[in-house]
C-alpha atoms as a PDB file:
ATOM      1  CA  MET A   1     123.251  52.967 137.220  1.00  0.00           C
ATOM      2  CA  GLU A   2     123.910  51.203 133.615  1.00  0.00           C
ATOM      3  CA  ASN A   3     121.269  53.219 131.896  1.00  0.00           C
ATOM      4  CA  ASP A   4     122.636  56.373 132.851  1.00  0.00           C
ATOM      5  CA  LEU A   5     125.890  55.268 131.557  1.00  0.00           C
ATOM      6  CA  ILE A   6     124.249  54.037 128.179  1.00  0.00           C
ATOM      7  CA  THR A   7     122.804  57.532 128.209  1.00  0.00           C
ATOM      8  CA  GLU A   8     125.950  59.458 128.591  1.00  0.00           C
ATOM      9  CA  GLU A   9     127.735  57.134 125.596  1.00  0.00           C
ATOM     10  CA  PHE A  10     124.867  58.011 123.411  1.00  0.00           C
ATOM     11  CA  LEU A  11     124.897  61.762 124.364  1.00  0.00           C
ATOM     12  CA  ASP A  12     128.404  61.950 123.634  1.00  0.00           C
ATOM     13  CA  THR A  13     128.375  60.335 120.219  1.00  0.00           C
ATOM     14  CA  TYR A  14     125.949  63.262 119.060  1.00  0.00           C
ATOM     15  CA  GLU A  15     127.519  65.933 120.991  1.00  0.00           C
ATOM     16  CA  GLY A  16     130.403  66.580 118.443  1.00  0.00           C
ATOM     17  CA  GLU A  17     127.767  66.111 115.639  1.00  0.00           C
ATOM     18  CA  VAL A  18     125.424  68.741 117.214  1.00  0.00           C
ATOM     19  CA  LEU A  19     128.404  71.060 117.478  1.00  0.00           C
ATOM     20  CA  PHE A  20     129.066  70.739 114.039  1.00  0.00           C
ATOM     21  CA  LEU A  21     125.280  71.044 113.353  1.00  0.00           C
ATOM     22  CA  SER A  22     124.669  74.303 115.200  1.00  0.00           C
ATOM     23  CA  GLN A  23     127.665  75.984 113.635  1.00  0.00           C
ATOM     24  CA  ASP A  24     126.259  75.259 109.958  1.00  0.00           C
ATOM     25  CA  LEU A  25     122.944  76.587 111.380  1.00  0.00           C
ATOM     26  CA  GLU A  26     124.467  79.904 112.456  1.00  0.00           C
ATOM     27  CA  GLU A  27     125.961  80.233 109.176  1.00  0.00           C
ATOM     28  CA  ILE A  28     122.843  79.609 107.451  1.00  0.00           C
ATOM     29  CA  VAL A  29     121.113  82.317 109.718  1.00  0.00           C
ATOM     30  CA  ASP A  30     123.998  84.817 108.563  1.00  0.00           C
ATOM     31  CA  SER A  31     123.312  84.601 105.007  1.00  0.00           C
ATOM     32  CA  ILE A  32     119.492  84.756 105.599  1.00  0.00           C
ATOM     33  CA  LYS A  33     120.024  87.888 107.780  1.00  0.00           C
ATOM     34  CA  ASP A  34     122.558  89.572 105.082  1.00  0.00           C
ATOM     35  CA  ASN A  35     120.392  88.422 102.172  1.00  0.00           C
ATOM     36  CA  SER A  36     123.440  86.755 100.563  1.00  0.00           C
ATOM     37  CA  PHE A  37     121.595  83.209 100.679  1.00  0.00           C
ATOM     38  CA  ASN A  38     120.195  81.628  97.258  1.00  0.00           C
ATOM     39  CA  GLN A  39     118.578  78.279  96.452  1.00  0.00           C
ATOM     40  CA  ASP A  40     121.365  76.150  97.480  1.00  0.00           C
ATOM     41  CA  THR A  41     121.315  77.654 101.045  1.00  0.00           C
ATOM     42  CA  LEU A  42     117.590  76.740 101.332  1.00  0.00           C
ATOM     43  CA  VAL A  43     118.565  73.182 100.188  1.00  0.00           C
ATOM     44  CA  LEU A  44     121.363  73.188 102.776  1.00  0.00           C
ATOM     45  CA  LEU A  45     118.826  74.491 105.441  1.00  0.00           C
ATOM     46  CA  GLN A  46     116.362  71.512 104.611  1.00  0.00           C
ATOM     47  CA  GLN A  47     119.064  69.116 104.848  1.00  0.00           C
ATOM     48  CA  LYS A  48     120.530  70.477 108.057  1.00  0.00           C
ATOM     49  CA  ILE A  49     116.614  70.452 109.608  1.00  0.00           C
ATOM     50  CA  ASN A  50     116.396  66.845 108.224  1.00  0.00           C
ATOM     51  CA  GLU A  51     119.847  66.075 110.339  1.00  0.00           C
ATOM     52  CA  VAL A  52     118.463  67.760 113.360  1.00  0.00           C
ATOM     53  CA  SER A  53     115.318  65.327 112.926  1.00  0.00           C
ATOM     54  CA  ASP A  54     117.580  62.656 112.938  1.00  0.00           C
ATOM     55  CA  VAL A  55     119.054  63.512 116.027  1.00  0.00           C
ATOM     56  CA  PHE A  56     115.966  64.249 117.916  1.00  0.00           C
ATOM     57  CA  LEU A  57     114.631  60.735 116.750  1.00  0.00           C
ATOM     58  CA  SER A  58     117.744  59.057 118.558  1.00  0.00           C
ATOM     59  CA  SER A  59     116.641  59.850 121.943  1.00  0.00           C
ATOM     60  CA  THR A  60     113.594  58.796 123.741  1.00  0.00           C
ATOM     61  CA  TYR A  61     113.235  61.799 125.537  1.00  0.00           C
ATOM     62  CA  THR A  62     112.885  63.970 122.311  1.00  0.00           C
ATOM     63  CA  GLN A  63     111.764  61.396 119.565  1.00  0.00           C
ATOM     64  CA  HIS A  64     108.184  63.001 119.490  1.00  0.00           C
ATOM     65  CA  VAL A  65     109.248  66.097 118.165  1.00  0.00           C
ATOM     66  CA  ALA A  66     111.232  64.773 114.826  1.00  0.00           C
ATOM     67  CA  PRO A  67     108.252  64.603 112.698  1.00  0.00           C
ATOM     68  CA  LEU A  68     107.624  68.381 113.123  1.00  0.00           C
ATOM     69  CA  PHE A  69     111.260  68.757 112.114  1.00  0.00           C
ATOM     70  CA  LYS A  70     110.460  66.490 108.911  1.00  0.00           C
ATOM     71  CA  ASP A  71     107.569  68.592 108.087  1.00  0.00           C
ATOM     72  CA  PHE A  72     109.381  71.930 108.584  1.00  0.00           C
ATOM     73  CA  ALA A  73     112.024  70.298 106.377  1.00  0.00           C
ATOM     74  CA  LYS A  74     109.265  69.579 103.525  1.00  0.00           C
ATOM     75  CA  ASP A  75     108.391  73.567 103.982  1.00  0.00           C
ATOM     76  CA  ILE A  76     111.528  75.012 103.600  1.00  0.00           C
ATOM     77  CA  GLY A  77     111.841  72.656 100.551  1.00  0.00           C
ATOM     78  CA  SER A  78     109.313  74.876  98.980  1.00  0.00           C
ATOM     79  CA  ILE A  79     110.570  78.327  99.300  1.00  0.00           C
ATOM     80  CA  GLN A  80     111.876  80.211  96.429  1.00  0.00           C
ATOM     81  CA  SER A  81     114.772  82.026  97.633  1.00  0.00           C
ATOM     82  CA  GLU A  82     114.208  84.842  94.891  1.00  0.00           C
ATOM     83  CA  ALA A  83     110.549  85.533  95.964  1.00  0.00           C
ATOM     84  CA  PHE A  84     111.623  85.044  99.735  1.00  0.00           C
ATOM     85  CA  LYS A  85     114.260  87.550  99.787  1.00  0.00           C
ATOM     86  CA  SER A  86     111.682  90.402  99.628  1.00  0.00           C
ATOM     87  CA  LEU A  87     109.851  89.128 102.813  1.00  0.00           C
ATOM     88  CA  ASP A  88     111.819  90.843 105.243  1.00  0.00           C
ATOM     89  CA  ASP A  89     109.609  90.031 108.389  1.00  0.00           C
ATOM     90  CA  SER A  90     109.428  86.079 107.096  1.00  0.00           C
ATOM     91  CA  LYS A  91     112.979  86.195 106.964  1.00  0.00           C
ATOM     92  CA  GLU A  92     113.163  87.511 110.472  1.00  0.00           C
ATOM     93  CA  TYR A  93     110.948  84.793 111.773  1.00  0.00           C
ATOM     94  CA  LEU A  94     112.755  81.926 109.898  1.00  0.00           C
ATOM     95  CA  CYS A  95     116.034  83.191 111.316  1.00  0.00           C
ATOM     96  CA  GLU A  96     114.412  83.178 115.104  1.00  0.00           C
ATOM     97  CA  ILE A  97     113.101  79.374 114.118  1.00  0.00           C
ATOM     98  CA  ILE A  98     116.230  78.328 113.340  1.00  0.00           C
ATOM     99  CA  LEU A  99     118.111  79.930 116.135  1.00  0.00           C
ATOM    100  CA  ASP A 100     115.548  78.445 118.692  1.00  0.00           C
ATOM    101  CA  ILE A 101     116.246  75.233 117.123  1.00  0.00           C
ATOM    102  CA  ASN A 102     119.848  75.588 117.388  1.00  0.00           C
ATOM    103  CA  THR A 103     119.605  76.885 121.433  1.00  0.00           C
ATOM    104  CA  TYR A 104     117.439  73.833 121.903  1.00  0.00           C
ATOM    105  CA  ILE A 105     119.287  71.220 120.152  1.00  0.00           C
ATOM    106  CA  ASN A 106     122.529  72.514 122.297  1.00  0.00           C
ATOM    107  CA  PHE A 107     120.575  72.547 125.270  1.00  0.00           C
ATOM    108  CA  TYR A 108     119.364  69.123 124.849  1.00  0.00           C
ATOM    109  CA  PHE A 109     122.271  67.244 123.188  1.00  0.00           C
ATOM    110  CA  VAL A 110     125.322  69.475 124.450  1.00  0.00           C
ATOM    111  CA  GLU A 111     124.552  70.651 127.780  1.00  0.00           C
ATOM    112  CA  ARG A 112     122.216  67.353 128.318  1.00  0.00           C
ATOM    113  CA  VAL A 113     119.226  68.700 130.236  1.00  0.00           C
ATOM    114  CA  PHE A 114     116.275  67.297 128.972  1.00  0.00           C
ATOM    115  CA  SER A 115     113.430  69.601 130.454  1.00  0.00           C
ATOM    116  CA  ASP A 116     110.557  71.638 128.739  1.00  0.00           C
ATOM    117  CA  VAL A 117     110.848  69.449 125.400  1.00  0.00           C
ATOM    118  CA  TYR A 118     106.920  69.550 125.332  1.00  0.00           C
ATOM    119  CA  LEU A 119     106.841  73.159 125.646  1.00  0.00           C
ATOM    120  CA  PHE A 120     109.814  73.458 122.947  1.00  0.00           C
ATOM    121  CA  GLN A 121     107.424  71.555 120.898  1.00  0.00           C
ATOM    122  CA  ASP A 122     104.474  73.356 120.906  1.00  0.00           C
ATOM    123  CA  SER A 123     106.380  76.789 120.733  1.00  0.00           C
ATOM    124  CA  LEU A 124     108.064  75.734 117.435  1.00  0.00           C
ATOM    125  CA  LYS A 125     104.656  74.058 116.146  1.00  0.00           C
ATOM    126  CA  ASN A 126     103.169  77.723 116.787  1.00  0.00           C
ATOM    127  CA  SER A 127     106.272  79.395 115.411  1.00  0.00           C
ATOM    128  CA  ILE A 128     106.268  77.317 112.287  1.00  0.00           C
ATOM    129  CA  ASP A 129     102.723  77.956 111.559  1.00  0.00           C
ATOM    130  CA  PHE A 130     102.853  81.852 112.153  1.00  0.00           C
ATOM    131  CA  LEU A 131     105.926  81.999 109.512  1.00  0.00           C
ATOM    132  CA  LYS A 132     103.423  80.170 106.661  1.00  0.00           C
ATOM    133  CA  ARG A 133     101.052  82.512 107.644  1.00  0.00           C
ATOM    134  CA  SER A 134     103.230  85.252 107.084  1.00  0.00           C
ATOM    135  CA  CYS A 135     104.580  83.992 104.029  1.00  0.00           C
ATOM    136  CA  LYS A 136     101.345  83.674 102.559  1.00  0.00           C
ATOM    137  CA  CYS A 137      99.995  86.987 103.566  1.00  0.00           C
ATOM    138  CA  ALA A 138     103.072  88.817 102.424  1.00  0.00           C
ATOM    139  CA  LEU A 139     102.331  87.326  99.103  1.00  0.00           C
ATOM    140  CA  GLY A 140      98.897  88.317  99.190  1.00  0.00           C
ATOM    141  CA  GLU A 141      97.493  84.920  99.249  1.00  0.00           C
ATOM    142  CA  CYS A 142      96.332  84.809 103.062  1.00  0.00           C
ATOM    143  CA  ALA A 143      92.593  84.689 103.700  1.00  0.00           C
ATOM    144  CA  GLU A 144      90.866  88.050 104.658  1.00  0.00           C
ATOM    145  CA  ASP A 145      88.847  86.110 107.233  1.00  0.00           C
ATOM    146  CA  ASP A 146      90.965  83.891 108.918  1.00  0.00           C
ATOM    147  CA  GLY A 147      90.993  85.661 111.888  1.00  0.00           C
ATOM    148  CA  SER A 148      94.518  85.221 112.744  1.00  0.00           C
ATOM    149  CA  GLU A 149      96.950  87.842 114.327  1.00  0.00           C
ATOM    150  CA  LEU A 150     100.448  87.956 112.752  1.00  0.00           C
ATOM    151  CA  ASP A 151     101.846  88.581 116.185  1.00  0.00           C
ATOM    152  CA  PHE A 152     105.443  86.863 116.679  1.00  0.00           C
ATOM    153  CA  PHE A 153     105.825  85.205 120.097  1.00  0.00           C
END
């Protein structure tokens, strides 16, 4: 019973932060979708994904997902905004990933339903891997014999 109270207090601490973080992620998605983003927007996205990682790291239920967010933030840091603006499919995939992250941080830390964390982790990893392949192929850098299908799931 005492552990439940501690968990509730912990989640109360993060609920407000997650709500602000969620709003920031939605604004970034809007700027990517309308092509009004620049390198500063991508730096901000990288920062926000690192903040998401910190939130996930703070709970024993979700801490195993945190390294995936850190790696994703590093990947975002390598994106050049001007080149990325021309990759319509990749921009769409990035927006979908951000929206999925946003959905799940609200699900876990606002609605407080800690189900399917491993499913989310696997899905996120696959989506990020797909985004990387998509960007490389759009820039003509993918291997012809890599055997991968570019179907977003």
